[in-house]
C-alpha atoms as a PDB file:
ATOM      1  CA  MET A   1     -35.984  -4.136 -10.718  1.00  0.00           C
ATOM      2  CA  ALA A   2     -33.325  -2.306  -8.682  1.00  0.00           C
ATOM      3  CA  THR A   3     -31.109   0.183 -10.498  1.00  0.00           C
ATOM      4  CA  LEU A   4     -27.396   0.421  -9.647  1.00  0.00           C
ATOM      5  CA  THR A   5     -25.601   3.733 -10.216  1.00  0.00           C
ATOM      6  CA  VAL A   6     -21.887   4.343  -9.662  1.00  0.00           C
ATOM      7  CA  ARG A   7     -20.460   7.868  -9.743  1.00  0.00           C
ATOM      8  CA  PRO A   8     -18.023  10.210  -7.956  1.00  0.00           C
ATOM      9  CA  LEU A   9     -18.950  11.440  -4.513  1.00  0.00           C
ATOM     10  CA  ALA A  10     -20.990  14.688  -4.453  1.00  0.00           C
ATOM     11  CA  ALA A  11     -21.357  17.148  -1.613  1.00  0.00           C
ATOM     12  CA  ARG A  12     -24.949  16.033  -1.063  1.00  0.00           C
ATOM     13  CA  ASP A  13     -23.709  12.470  -0.353  1.00  0.00           C
ATOM     14  CA  PHE A  14     -21.477  13.378   2.577  1.00  0.00           C
ATOM     15  CA  PRO A  15     -24.138  13.219   5.323  1.00  0.00           C
ATOM     16  CA  LYS A  16     -25.082   9.721   4.142  1.00  0.00           C
ATOM     17  CA  LEU A  17     -21.596   8.225   4.337  1.00  0.00           C
ATOM     18  CA  PRO A  18     -21.723   7.434   8.077  1.00  0.00           C
ATOM     19  CA  HIS A  19     -24.694   5.153   7.424  1.00  0.00           C
ATOM     20  CA  VAL A  20     -22.559   2.923   5.160  1.00  0.00           C
ATOM     21  CA  ARG A  21     -21.031   0.959   8.006  1.00  0.00           C
ATOM     22  CA  GLN A  22     -22.055  -2.690   7.878  1.00  0.00           C
ATOM     23  CA  GLN A  23     -19.006  -3.847   5.923  1.00  0.00           C
ATOM     24  CA  HIS A  24     -15.582  -2.130   5.969  1.00  0.00           C
ATOM     25  CA  GLU A  25     -12.360  -3.344   4.409  1.00  0.00           C
ATOM     26  CA  TRP A  26      -8.999  -1.508   4.527  1.00  0.00           C
ATOM     27  CA  LEU A  27      -7.050  -2.239   1.372  1.00  0.00           C
ATOM     28  CA  ALA A  28      -3.996  -0.115   2.089  1.00  0.00           C
ATOM     29  CA  LEU A  29      -1.170  -1.566   4.160  1.00  0.00           C
ATOM     30  CA  PRO A  30      -2.182  -1.439   7.834  1.00  0.00           C
ATOM     31  CA  CYS A  31       0.977   0.372   8.889  1.00  0.00           C
ATOM     32  CA  LEU A  32       0.395   3.382   6.675  1.00  0.00           C
ATOM     33  CA  GLY A  33      -1.432   5.533   9.216  1.00  0.00           C
ATOM     34  CA  ALA A  34      -2.251   8.363   6.785  1.00  0.00           C
ATOM     35  CA  ARG A  35      -4.416   5.953   4.780  1.00  0.00           C
ATOM     36  CA  GLN A  36      -6.601   5.158   7.777  1.00  0.00           C
ATOM     37  CA  ALA A  37      -8.011   8.661   8.232  1.00  0.00           C
ATOM     38  CA  GLY A  38     -11.193   7.753   6.389  1.00  0.00           C
ATOM     39  CA  PHE A  39     -13.180  10.749   7.627  1.00  0.00           C
ATOM     40  CA  PHE A  40     -10.558  13.247   6.468  1.00  0.00           C
ATOM     41  CA  ALA A  41     -10.180  11.463   3.161  1.00  0.00           C
ATOM     42  CA  ARG A  42     -13.906  11.666   2.518  1.00  0.00           C
ATOM     43  CA  LEU A  43     -13.959  15.302   3.621  1.00  0.00           C
ATOM     44  CA  ARG A  44     -11.172  16.238   1.218  1.00  0.00           C
ATOM     45  CA  ALA A  45     -12.897  14.386  -1.587  1.00  0.00           C
ATOM     46  CA  VAL A  46     -15.880  16.722  -1.435  1.00  0.00           C
ATOM     47  CA  ALA A  47     -13.604  19.619  -2.400  1.00  0.00           C
ATOM     48  CA  PRO A  48     -12.954  20.287  -6.114  1.00  0.00           C
ATOM     49  CA  PRO A  49     -10.641  17.462  -7.292  1.00  0.00           C
ATOM     50  CA  THR A  50      -7.002  18.068  -8.100  1.00  0.00           C
ATOM     51  CA  GLN A  51      -4.432  15.717  -9.593  1.00  0.00           C
ATOM     52  CA  SER A  52      -3.345  14.553  -6.116  1.00  0.00           C
ATOM     53  CA  SER A  53      -6.611  14.703  -4.181  1.00  0.00           C
ATOM     54  CA  VAL A  54      -8.298  11.632  -2.746  1.00  0.00           C
ATOM     55  CA  ARG A  55     -11.088  10.170  -4.864  1.00  0.00           C
ATOM     56  CA  VAL A  56     -14.286   8.714  -3.414  1.00  0.00           C
ATOM     57  CA  TYR A  57     -16.711   6.853  -5.673  1.00  0.00           C
ATOM     58  CA  VAL A  58     -20.145   5.793  -4.458  1.00  0.00           C
ATOM     59  CA  ALA A  59     -22.674   3.125  -5.471  1.00  0.00           C
ATOM     60  CA  LEU A  60     -26.404   3.839  -5.209  1.00  0.00           C
ATOM     61  CA  VAL A  61     -29.232   1.316  -5.430  1.00  0.00           C
ATOM     62  CA  ASP A  62     -32.474   3.053  -6.383  1.00  0.00           C
ATOM     63  CA  ASP A  63     -30.890   6.385  -5.385  1.00  0.00           C
ATOM     64  CA  GLU A  64     -29.878   5.144  -1.907  1.00  0.00           C
ATOM     65  CA  LEU A  65     -26.155   5.352  -1.169  1.00  0.00           C
ATOM     66  CA  CYS A  66     -25.106   1.777  -0.354  1.00  0.00           C
ATOM     67  CA  ALA A  67     -21.343   1.526  -0.841  1.00  0.00           C
ATOM     68  CA  TYR A  68     -18.200   3.518  -1.548  1.00  0.00           C
ATOM     69  CA  VAL A  69     -14.522   3.157  -2.339  1.00  0.00           C
ATOM     70  CA  ILE A  70     -11.714   5.545  -1.348  1.00  0.00           C
ATOM     71  CA  VAL A  71      -8.809   5.845  -3.782  1.00  0.00           C
ATOM     72  CA  GLU A  72      -5.616   7.808  -3.112  1.00  0.00           C
ATOM     73  CA  PRO A  73      -3.292   8.858  -5.970  1.00  0.00           C
ATOM     74  CA  GLN A  74       0.409   8.379  -5.353  1.00  0.00           C
ATOM     75  CA  ASN A  75       1.763  10.798  -7.930  1.00  0.00           C
ATOM     76  CA  ARG A  76       5.389  10.325  -6.866  1.00  0.00           C
ATOM     77  CA  GLU A  77       5.082   6.678  -7.953  1.00  0.00           C
ATOM     78  CA  PHE A  78       2.558   7.196 -10.803  1.00  0.00           C
ATOM     79  CA  ARG A  79      -0.070   4.963  -9.254  1.00  0.00           C
ATOM     80  CA  TRP A  80      -3.403   4.906  -7.454  1.00  0.00           C
ATOM     81  CA  GLU A  81      -4.019   2.952  -4.262  1.00  0.00           C
ATOM     82  CA  ILE A  82      -7.360   1.519  -3.214  1.00  0.00           C
ATOM     83  CA  VAL A  83      -7.608   2.544   0.422  1.00  0.00           C
ATOM     84  CA  GLN A  84     -11.003   1.468   1.708  1.00  0.00           C
ATOM     85  CA  LEU A  85     -14.207  -0.292   0.684  1.00  0.00           C
ATOM     86  CA  ALA A  86     -17.503   0.020   2.585  1.00  0.00           C
ATOM     87  CA  ALA A  87     -21.030  -1.298   2.005  1.00  0.00           C
ATOM     88  CA  GLY A  88     -24.425  -1.345   3.675  1.00  0.00           C
ATOM     89  CA  SER A  89     -27.288   1.048   4.322  1.00  0.00           C
ATOM     90  CA  PRO A  90     -30.359   1.292   6.559  1.00  0.00           C
ATOM     91  CA  ARG A  91     -32.423  -0.497   3.878  1.00  0.00           C
ATOM     92  CA  LEU A  92     -29.809  -2.812   2.371  1.00  0.00           C
ATOM     93  CA  GLU A  93     -28.177  -5.666   4.259  1.00  0.00           C
ATOM     94  CA  ALA A  94     -24.599  -5.899   3.033  1.00  0.00           C
ATOM     95  CA  ASN A  95     -24.018  -9.646   3.109  1.00  0.00           C
ATOM     96  CA  GLU A  96     -20.992 -11.101   1.334  1.00  0.00           C
ATOM     97  CA  GLY A  97     -22.765 -11.513  -2.010  1.00  0.00           C
ATOM     98  CA  VAL A  98     -24.165  -7.978  -2.034  1.00  0.00           C
ATOM     99  CA  SER A  99     -20.853  -6.464  -0.887  1.00  0.00           C
ATOM    100  CA  THR A 100     -18.919  -8.318  -3.560  1.00  0.00           C
ATOM    101  CA  GLU A 101     -21.300  -7.131  -6.301  1.00  0.00           C
ATOM    102  CA  LEU A 102     -21.284  -3.504  -5.152  1.00  0.00           C
ATOM    103  CA  TRP A 103     -17.516  -3.394  -4.620  1.00  0.00           C
ATOM    104  CA  THR A 104     -16.827  -4.990  -8.001  1.00  0.00           C
ATOM    105  CA  ALA A 105     -18.858  -2.247  -9.695  1.00  0.00           C
ATOM    106  CA  LEU A 106     -17.006   0.431  -7.703  1.00  0.00           C
ATOM    107  CA  LEU A 107     -13.587  -1.013  -8.495  1.00  0.00           C
ATOM    108  CA  GLU A 108     -14.383  -1.277 -12.199  1.00  0.00           C
ATOM    109  CA  PHE A 109     -15.496   2.357 -12.148  1.00  0.00           C
ATOM    110  CA  ALA A 110     -12.257   3.344 -10.365  1.00  0.00           C
ATOM    111  CA  VAL A 111     -10.231   1.511 -13.006  1.00  0.00           C
ATOM    112  CA  ARG A 112     -11.977   3.444 -15.770  1.00  0.00           C
ATOM    113  CA  GLN A 113     -11.415   6.731 -13.938  1.00  0.00           C
ATOM    114  CA  ALA A 114      -7.736   5.886 -13.503  1.00  0.00           C
ATOM    115  CA  GLY A 115      -7.442   5.066 -17.192  1.00  0.00           C
ATOM    116  CA  GLU A 116      -8.997   8.406 -18.130  1.00  0.00           C
ATOM    117  CA  ALA A 117      -6.485  10.107 -15.814  1.00  0.00           C
ATOM    118  CA  ARG A 118      -3.699   8.231 -17.698  1.00  0.00           C
ATOM    119  CA  VAL A 119      -2.783   6.223 -14.588  1.00  0.00           C
ATOM    120  CA  LYS A 120      -1.452   2.813 -15.598  1.00  0.00           C
ATOM    121  CA  ARG A 121      -1.748   0.861 -12.321  1.00  0.00           C
ATOM    122  CA  LEU A 122      -3.956   0.551  -9.278  1.00  0.00           C
ATOM    123  CA  PHE A 123      -2.816  -1.293  -6.138  1.00  0.00           C
ATOM    124  CA  ALA A 124      -4.539  -2.881  -3.143  1.00  0.00           C
ATOM    125  CA  THR A 125      -3.741  -5.296  -0.363  1.00  0.00           C
ATOM    126  CA  THR A 126      -6.240  -7.732   1.111  1.00  0.00           C
ATOM    127  CA  GLU A 127      -6.634 -10.934   3.056  1.00  0.00           C
ATOM    128  CA  ASP A 128      -6.737 -14.155   1.087  1.00  0.00           C
ATOM    129  CA  ASP A 129     -10.478 -14.680   1.331  1.00  0.00           C
ATOM    130  CA  GLY A 130     -13.555 -12.545   1.755  1.00  0.00           C
ATOM    131  CA  SER A 131     -15.717 -10.125  -0.151  1.00  0.00           C
ATOM    132  CA  ALA A 132     -12.913  -7.640  -0.831  1.00  0.00           C
ATOM    133  CA  HIS A 133     -10.626 -10.279  -2.296  1.00  0.00           C
ATOM    134  CA  ARG A 134     -13.390 -11.647  -4.507  1.00  0.00           C
ATOM    135  CA  ALA A 135     -14.338  -8.164  -5.707  1.00  0.00           C
ATOM    136  CA  LEU A 136     -10.750  -7.327  -6.566  1.00  0.00           C
ATOM    137  CA  ASP A 137     -10.380 -10.586  -8.482  1.00  0.00           C
ATOM    138  CA  MET A 138     -13.631 -10.012 -10.381  1.00  0.00           C
ATOM    139  CA  ALA A 139     -12.486  -6.481 -11.260  1.00  0.00           C
ATOM    140  CA  GLY A 140      -9.318  -7.842 -12.859  1.00  0.00           C
ATOM    141  CA  PHE A 141      -6.787  -7.346 -10.069  1.00  0.00           C
ATOM    142  CA  ASP A 142      -3.913  -9.869  -9.924  1.00  0.00           C
ATOM    143  CA  ALA A 143      -1.951 -11.006  -6.887  1.00  0.00           C
ATOM    144  CA  PHE A 144       1.796 -10.545  -7.334  1.00  0.00           C
ATOM    145  CA  THR A 145       3.248 -11.085  -3.854  1.00  0.00           C
ATOM    146  CA  ARG A 146       2.434 -11.372  -0.153  1.00  0.00           C
ATOM    147  CA  VAL A 147       3.449  -8.854   2.485  1.00  0.00           C
ATOM    148  CA  ALA A 148       4.036  -9.623   6.181  1.00  0.00           C
ATOM    149  CA  ILE A 149       3.345  -6.712   8.522  1.00  0.00           C
ATOM    150  CA  VAL A 150       5.955  -6.855  11.307  1.00  0.00           C
ATOM    151  CA  SER A 151       5.424  -4.572  14.290  1.00  0.00           C
ATOM    152  CA  GLY A 152       7.196  -3.714  17.539  1.00  0.00           C
ATOM    153  CA  HIS A 153       9.233  -1.026  19.316  1.00  0.00           C
ATOM    154  CA  ARG A 154      12.864  -0.060  19.124  1.00  0.00           C
ATOM    155  CA  PRO A 155      14.822  -0.814  22.265  1.00  0.00           C
ATOM    156  CA  SER A 156      15.387   2.050  24.693  1.00  0.00           C
ATOM    157  CA  HIS A 157      19.086   1.185  25.054  1.00  0.00           C
ATOM    158  CA  PRO A 158      21.617   2.487  22.515  1.00  0.00           C
ATOM    159  CA  VAL A 159      21.910   0.481  19.306  1.00  0.00           C
ATOM    160  CA  VAL A 160      25.089  -0.347  17.431  1.00  0.00           C
ATOM    161  CA  VAL A 161      25.364   1.472  14.121  1.00  0.00           C
ATOM    162  CA  PRO A 162      26.488  -0.972  11.408  1.00  0.00           C
ATOM    163  CA  GLU A 163      29.709  -0.125   9.604  1.00  0.00           C
ATOM    164  CA  GLY A 164      28.971   1.705   6.360  1.00  0.00           C
ATOM    165  CA  MET A 165      25.626   3.134   7.379  1.00  0.00           C
ATOM    166  CA  ARG A 166      25.053   6.781   6.500  1.00  0.00           C
ATOM    167  CA  ARG A 167      22.383   9.219   5.380  1.00  0.00           C
ATOM    168  CA  GLN A 168      21.323   8.884   1.764  1.00  0.00           C
ATOM    169  CA  GLU A 169      22.801  11.406  -0.631  1.00  0.00           C
ATOM    170  CA  PRO A 170      21.307  12.551  -3.953  1.00  0.00           C
ATOM    171  CA  SER A 171      24.005  10.630  -5.838  1.00  0.00           C
ATOM    172  CA  ASP A 172      22.827   7.341  -4.277  1.00  0.00           C
ATOM    173  CA  VAL A 173      19.594   7.166  -6.284  1.00  0.00           C
ATOM    174  CA  TRP A 174      21.021   5.067  -9.125  1.00  0.00           C
ATOM    175  CA  SER A 175      22.698   2.649  -6.709  1.00  0.00           C
ATOM    176  CA  VAL A 176      19.520   2.186  -4.676  1.00  0.00           C
ATOM    177  CA  HIS A 177      17.534   1.555  -7.850  1.00  0.00           C
ATOM    178  CA  GLN A 178      20.041  -1.108  -8.917  1.00  0.00           C
ATOM    179  CA  LEU A 179      19.769  -2.670  -5.440  1.00  0.00           C
ATOM    180  CA  TYR A 180      16.011  -2.877  -5.941  1.00  0.00           C
ATOM    181  CA  HIS A 181      16.492  -4.690  -9.240  1.00  0.00           C
ATOM    182  CA  ARG A 182      19.013  -7.125  -7.735  1.00  0.00           C
ATOM    183  CA  THR A 183      16.844  -8.022  -4.736  1.00  0.00           C
ATOM    184  CA  THR A 184      13.303  -8.009  -6.146  1.00  0.00           C
ATOM    185  CA  PRO A 185      11.778 -10.860  -8.174  1.00  0.00           C
ATOM    186  CA  ARG A 186      11.093 -10.033 -11.801  1.00  0.00           C
ATOM    187  CA  ALA A 187       7.313 -10.515 -11.491  1.00  0.00           C
ATOM    188  CA  VAL A 188       7.163  -8.045  -8.595  1.00  0.00           C
ATOM    189  CA  GLN A 189       9.212  -5.530 -10.567  1.00  0.00           C
ATOM    190  CA  PHE A 190       6.786  -5.775 -13.475  1.00  0.00           C
ATOM    191  CA  ALA A 191       3.846  -5.238 -11.107  1.00  0.00           C
ATOM    192  CA  GLU A 192       5.314  -2.324  -9.191  1.00  0.00           C
ATOM    193  CA  ALA A 193       7.007  -0.653 -12.170  1.00  0.00           C
ATOM    194  CA  ARG A 194       9.118   1.550  -9.923  1.00  0.00           C
ATOM    195  CA  THR A 195      11.340   4.193 -11.468  1.00  0.00           C
ATOM    196  CA  SER A 196      14.465   5.716  -9.975  1.00  0.00           C
ATOM    197  CA  ALA A 197      12.318   8.632  -8.791  1.00  0.00           C
ATOM    198  CA  THR A 198      11.024   6.291  -6.047  1.00  0.00           C
ATOM    199  CA  TRP A 199      14.364   6.562  -4.279  1.00  0.00           C
ATOM    200  CA  GLU A 200      14.925  10.286  -4.601  1.00  0.00           C
ATOM    201  CA  LEU A 201      15.420  12.198  -1.365  1.00  0.00           C
ATOM    202  CA  PRO A 202      12.021  12.996   0.223  1.00  0.00           C
ATOM    203  CA  ARG A 203      10.633  16.482  -0.197  1.00  0.00           C
ATOM    204  CA  VAL A 204       9.808  18.574   2.826  1.00  0.00           C
ATOM    205  CA  ALA A 205       6.191  18.053   3.919  1.00  0.00           C
ATOM    206  CA  THR A 206       4.379  18.815   7.165  1.00  0.00           C
ATOM    207  CA  LEU A 207       0.794  17.862   6.305  1.00  0.00           C
ATOM    208  CA  THR A 208      -0.602  14.854   4.482  1.00  0.00           C
ATOM    209  CA  ARG A 209      -3.525  15.012   2.075  1.00  0.00           C
ATOM    210  CA  ALA A 210      -5.557  13.325   4.776  1.00  0.00           C
ATOM    211  CA  GLY A 211      -4.912  16.212   7.154  1.00  0.00           C
ATOM    212  CA  LEU A 212      -2.364  14.458   9.389  1.00  0.00           C
ATOM    213  CA  ARG A 213       0.996  15.900  10.338  1.00  0.00           C
ATOM    214  CA  ARG A 214       3.934  14.138   8.713  1.00  0.00           C
ATOM    215  CA  ARG A 215       7.585  14.466   9.618  1.00  0.00           C
ATOM    216  CA  VAL A 216      10.051  14.599   6.773  1.00  0.00           C
ATOM    217  CA  PRO A 217      11.007  10.996   5.933  1.00  0.00           C
ATOM    218  CA  ALA A 218      14.599   9.990   6.716  1.00  0.00           C
ATOM    219  CA  THR A 219      16.508   7.727   4.349  1.00  0.00           C
ATOM    220  CA  PHE A 220      19.727   5.800   4.957  1.00  0.00           C
ATOM    221  CA  VAL A 221      22.014   3.496   2.991  1.00  0.00           C
ATOM    222  CA  LEU A 222      24.420   0.742   3.978  1.00  0.00           C
ATOM    223  CA  GLU A 223      27.545   1.023   1.859  1.00  0.00           C
ATOM    224  CA  THR A 224      30.336  -1.557   1.602  1.00  0.00           C
ATOM    225  CA  ARG A 225      33.212  -2.139  -0.787  1.00  0.00           C
ATOM    226  CA  GLN A 226      30.683  -3.780  -3.107  1.00  0.00           C
ATOM    227  CA  GLY A 227      28.595  -0.603  -3.184  1.00  0.00           C
ATOM    228  CA  VAL A 228      25.176   0.184  -1.682  1.00  0.00           C
ATOM    229  CA  GLU A 229      23.824  -3.062  -0.181  1.00  0.00           C
ATOM    230  CA  GLY A 230      21.104  -1.699   2.068  1.00  0.00           C
ATOM    231  CA  TYR A 231      18.465   1.013   1.997  1.00  0.00           C
ATOM    232  CA  CYS A 232      16.098   2.105   4.784  1.00  0.00           C
ATOM    233  CA  ARG A 233      13.365   4.748   4.764  1.00  0.00           C
ATOM    234  CA  ILE A 234      11.669   5.978   7.915  1.00  0.00           C
ATOM    235  CA  ASP A 235       8.190   7.533   7.571  1.00  0.00           C
ATOM    236  CA  GLN A 236       6.446   9.033  10.604  1.00  0.00           C
ATOM    237  CA  VAL A 237       2.719   9.678  10.241  1.00  0.00           C
ATOM    238  CA  ALA A 238       0.000   9.897  12.890  1.00  0.00           C
ATOM    239  CA  GLY A 239       2.270   8.642  15.671  1.00  0.00           C
ATOM    240  CA  ARG A 240       3.244   5.463  13.844  1.00  0.00           C
ATOM    241  CA  VAL A 241       6.540   4.756  12.141  1.00  0.00           C
ATOM    242  CA  THR A 242       6.871   2.791   8.904  1.00  0.00           C
ATOM    243  CA  VAL A 243      10.250   1.247   8.128  1.00  0.00           C
ATOM    244  CA  SER A 244      10.786   0.289   4.462  1.00  0.00           C
ATOM    245  CA  MET A 245      13.913  -1.654   3.528  1.00  0.00           C
ATOM    246  CA  LEU A 246      15.951  -3.111   0.708  1.00  0.00           C
ATOM    247  CA  MET A 247      18.772  -5.494   1.614  1.00  0.00           C
ATOM    248  CA  SER A 248      21.278  -7.473  -0.373  1.00  0.00           C
ATOM    249  CA  PRO A 249      20.889 -11.211   0.500  1.00  0.00           C
ATOM    250  CA  ASP A 250      24.506 -11.259   1.644  1.00  0.00           C
ATOM    251  CA  ARG A 251      23.754  -8.528   4.207  1.00  0.00           C
ATOM    252  CA  GLU A 252      20.394  -9.721   5.594  1.00  0.00           C
ATOM    253  CA  ASP A 253      22.132 -10.446   8.904  1.00  0.00           C
ATOM    254  CA  LEU A 254      22.468  -6.673   9.291  1.00  0.00           C
ATOM    255  CA  ALA A 255      18.793  -5.900   8.610  1.00  0.00           C
ATOM    256  CA  VAL A 256      17.730  -5.646  12.251  1.00  0.00           C
ATOM    257  CA  PRO A 257      20.650  -3.493  13.504  1.00  0.00           C
ATOM    258  CA  PHE A 258      20.450  -1.379  10.346  1.00  0.00           C
ATOM    259  CA  ALA A 259      16.729  -0.697  10.828  1.00  0.00           C
ATOM    260  CA  LEU A 260      17.004   0.008  14.552  1.00  0.00           C
ATOM    261  CA  ALA A 261      19.995   2.325  14.014  1.00  0.00           C
ATOM    262  CA  ALA A 262      18.098   4.151  11.247  1.00  0.00           C
ATOM    263  CA  VAL A 263      15.080   4.591  13.496  1.00  0.00           C
ATOM    264  CA  ALA A 264      17.299   5.995  16.253  1.00  0.00           C
ATOM    265  CA  GLU A 265      19.148   8.293  13.868  1.00  0.00           C
ATOM    266  CA  ALA A 266      15.803   9.568  12.566  1.00  0.00           C
ATOM    267  CA  GLY A 267      14.909  10.714  16.101  1.00  0.00           C
ATOM    268  CA  VAL A 268      11.983   8.347  16.573  1.00  0.00           C
ATOM    269  CA  ASP A 269      10.569   8.244  20.092  1.00  0.00           C
ATOM    270  CA  PRO A 270      11.251   4.799  21.683  1.00  0.00           C
ATOM    271  CA  SER A 271       7.563   4.562  22.616  1.00  0.00           C
ATOM    272  CA  ALA A 272       6.388   4.946  18.987  1.00  0.00           C
ATOM    273  CA  PRO A 273       5.192   1.690  17.406  1.00  0.00           C
ATOM    274  CA  LEU A 274       7.256   0.530  14.439  1.00  0.00           C
ATOM    275  CA  CYS A 275       5.769  -1.166  11.361  1.00  0.00           C
ATOM    276  CA  LEU A 276       7.825  -3.000   8.737  1.00  0.00           C
ATOM    277  CA  PRO A 277       6.190  -4.260   5.533  1.00  0.00           C
ATOM    278  CA  VAL A 278       8.233  -7.306   4.520  1.00  0.00           C
ATOM    279  CA  PRO A 279       7.586  -8.751   1.027  1.00  0.00           C
ATOM    280  CA  ALA A 280       7.444 -12.513   0.542  1.00  0.00           C
ATOM    281  CA  HIS A 281      10.822 -12.716  -1.163  1.00  0.00           C
ATOM    282  CA  ALA A 282      12.419 -11.341   2.036  1.00  0.00           C
ATOM    283  CA  TYR A 283      10.506 -13.388   4.642  1.00  0.00           C
ATOM    284  CA  GLU A 284      13.814 -14.386   6.227  1.00  0.00           C
ATOM    285  CA  ARG A 285      13.990 -10.773   7.378  1.00  0.00           C
ATOM    286  CA  ALA A 286      10.672 -11.078   9.160  1.00  0.00           C
ATOM    287  CA  SER A 287      12.029 -14.071  11.081  1.00  0.00           C
ATOM    288  CA  ARG A 288      15.032 -12.048  12.168  1.00  0.00           C
ATOM    289  CA  PHE A 289      12.815  -9.254  13.509  1.00  0.00           C
ATOM    290  CA  VAL A 290      10.630 -11.793  15.331  1.00  0.00           C
ATOM    291  CA  ALA A 291      13.771 -13.188  16.971  1.00  0.00           C
ATOM    292  CA  ALA A 292      14.554  -9.601  18.055  1.00  0.00           C
ATOM    293  CA  GLY A 293      11.221  -9.248  19.858  1.00  0.00           C
ATOM    294  CA  PHE A 294       8.921  -8.069  17.078  1.00  0.00           C
ATOM    295  CA  VAL A 295       5.686  -9.829  16.040  1.00  0.00           C
ATOM    296  CA  ILE A 296       4.016 -10.572  12.719  1.00  0.00           C
ATOM    297  CA  GLU A 297       0.836  -8.497  12.975  1.00  0.00           C
ATOM    298  CA  ALA A 298      -0.779  -9.585   9.714  1.00  0.00           C
ATOM    299  CA  GLU A 299      -0.168 -10.996   6.291  1.00  0.00           C
ATOM    300  CA  ARG A 300      -1.666  -9.385   3.231  1.00  0.00           C
ATOM    301  CA  LEU A 301      -1.952 -10.214  -0.449  1.00  0.00           C
ATOM    302  CA  ALA A 302      -0.655  -7.450  -2.706  1.00  0.00           C
ATOM    303  CA  MET A 303      -2.703  -7.015  -5.894  1.00  0.00           C
ATOM    304  CA  VAL A 304      -2.398  -4.856  -8.969  1.00  0.00           C
ATOM    305  CA  ARG A 305      -4.689  -3.866 -11.846  1.00  0.00           C
ATOM    306  CA  HIS A 306      -3.357  -2.469 -15.107  1.00  0.00           C
ATOM    307  CA  THR A 307      -5.588  -0.020 -16.906  1.00  0.00           C
ATOM    308  CA  THR A 308      -4.020  -0.565 -20.331  1.00  0.00           C
ATOM    309  CA  VAL A 309      -6.132  -3.638 -21.177  1.00  0.00           C
ATOM    310  CA  PRO A 310      -9.614  -4.890 -20.204  1.00  0.00           C
ATOM    311  CA  ALA A 311      -9.933  -7.451 -17.418  1.00  0.00           C
ATOM    312  CA  VAL A 312      -9.598 -11.067 -18.525  1.00  0.00           C
ATOM    313  CA  VAL A 313     -11.979 -13.485 -16.809  1.00  0.00           C
ATOM    314  CA  MET A 314     -10.200 -16.776 -16.068  1.00  0.00           C
ATOM    315  CA  THR A 315     -11.984 -19.861 -14.771  1.00  0.00           C
ATOM    316  CA  GLY A 316     -10.662 -22.769 -12.764  1.00  0.00           C
ATOM    317  CA  LEU A 317      -7.919 -20.802 -11.058  1.00  0.00           C
ATOM    318  CA  ALA A 318      -5.972 -22.778  -8.491  1.00  0.00           C
ATOM    319  CA  PRO A 319      -5.457 -21.252  -5.014  1.00  0.00           C
ATOM    320  CA  ILE A 320      -2.501 -18.890  -4.891  1.00  0.00           C
ATOM    321  CA  PRO A 321       0.468 -20.923  -3.622  1.00  0.00           C
ATOM    322  CA  ALA A 322       3.552 -19.631  -1.866  1.00  0.00           C
ATOM    323  CA  LEU A 323       4.009 -16.679  -4.184  1.00  0.00           C
ATOM    324  CA  GLU A 324       7.505 -16.029  -2.965  1.00  0.00           C
ATOM    325  CA  GLY A 325       8.700 -19.037  -4.908  1.00  0.00           C
ATOM    326  CA  VAL A 326       6.889 -18.304  -8.160  1.00  0.00           C
ATOM    327  CA  GLU A 327       7.628 -15.631 -10.734  1.00  0.00           C
ATOM    328  CA  ARG A 328       4.258 -14.673 -12.209  1.00  0.00           C
ATOM    329  CA  VAL A 329       3.812 -11.721 -14.523  1.00  0.00           C
ATOM    330  CA  PRO A 330       0.443 -10.056 -13.754  1.00  0.00           C
ATOM    331  CA  ARG A 331      -2.134  -9.711 -16.488  1.00  0.00           C
ATOM    332  CA  GLY A 332      -2.038  -6.634 -18.638  1.00  0.00           C
ATOM    333  CA  VAL A 333       1.649  -5.792 -18.313  1.00  0.00           C
ATOM    334  CA  PRO A 334       2.495  -3.481 -21.217  1.00  0.00           C
ATOM    335  CA  THR A 335       5.089  -4.929 -23.604  1.00  0.00           C
END
């Protein structure tokens, strides 16, 4: 009978990783370029681990390396992110059933490791169906929203700066956090568990943990007589630009000009591709960007796993409906 072993990556495993290539699933948002440097992530994982270093856990069947998972801590937000799953080996055909079983074991091991590190939440994004989705579900992950990945380029012509737009100041943190609470469904807030530290001004950084050069993120707010009603963060990693936004519903008509003006003010090259993750509760924003010439590149299911309680196996689950219209508190939320 075959023996399955799951453990952290060791230096002796590194030459075997390229052979695990039959099945690959990216579970980080596609537009986060730093997450997609799988080789650098694995290379860094061989070094002695630190609090912020990437983790790689491997699954072996009868001492043959057959699968792995890459996990990246996000210490600023007190969370871990599942970045990549892979399965297969020269002697093991990684069909959907085998991949699901191996990945479930790896994810459960990652959850235990996160709990020992006193991390309360792990996050992943995936397509609605497939081995990765089934493995996440079996490992106790819950879907809490959908995310549309909108991509495109900023126009080369000058953009109009909306009235009230300015660079974020340290004193804006509280206002931005309140904007997040006003514009984000309660179930999503419970899942993400963001603190005001999320909106603090970015620290200077020139190199990511994956070995890629990163420009200092630029953050902007849109301020009116009612206070801060818009927030935009521009991250530039590996030649791709990620635009993250919060907008008051009354100001959604300014989302496109606000984002384009922020990108221009941040000094982004017009040829650089832009990527905007748009959560389900703000899908109207995605439509506005599509009307401005952008495209919806993909749609992902955002999932979370809490490490404070064991996974609860539930049978007879109905397919996940339009999550944007349902407030659903994920399993295991601490009370």
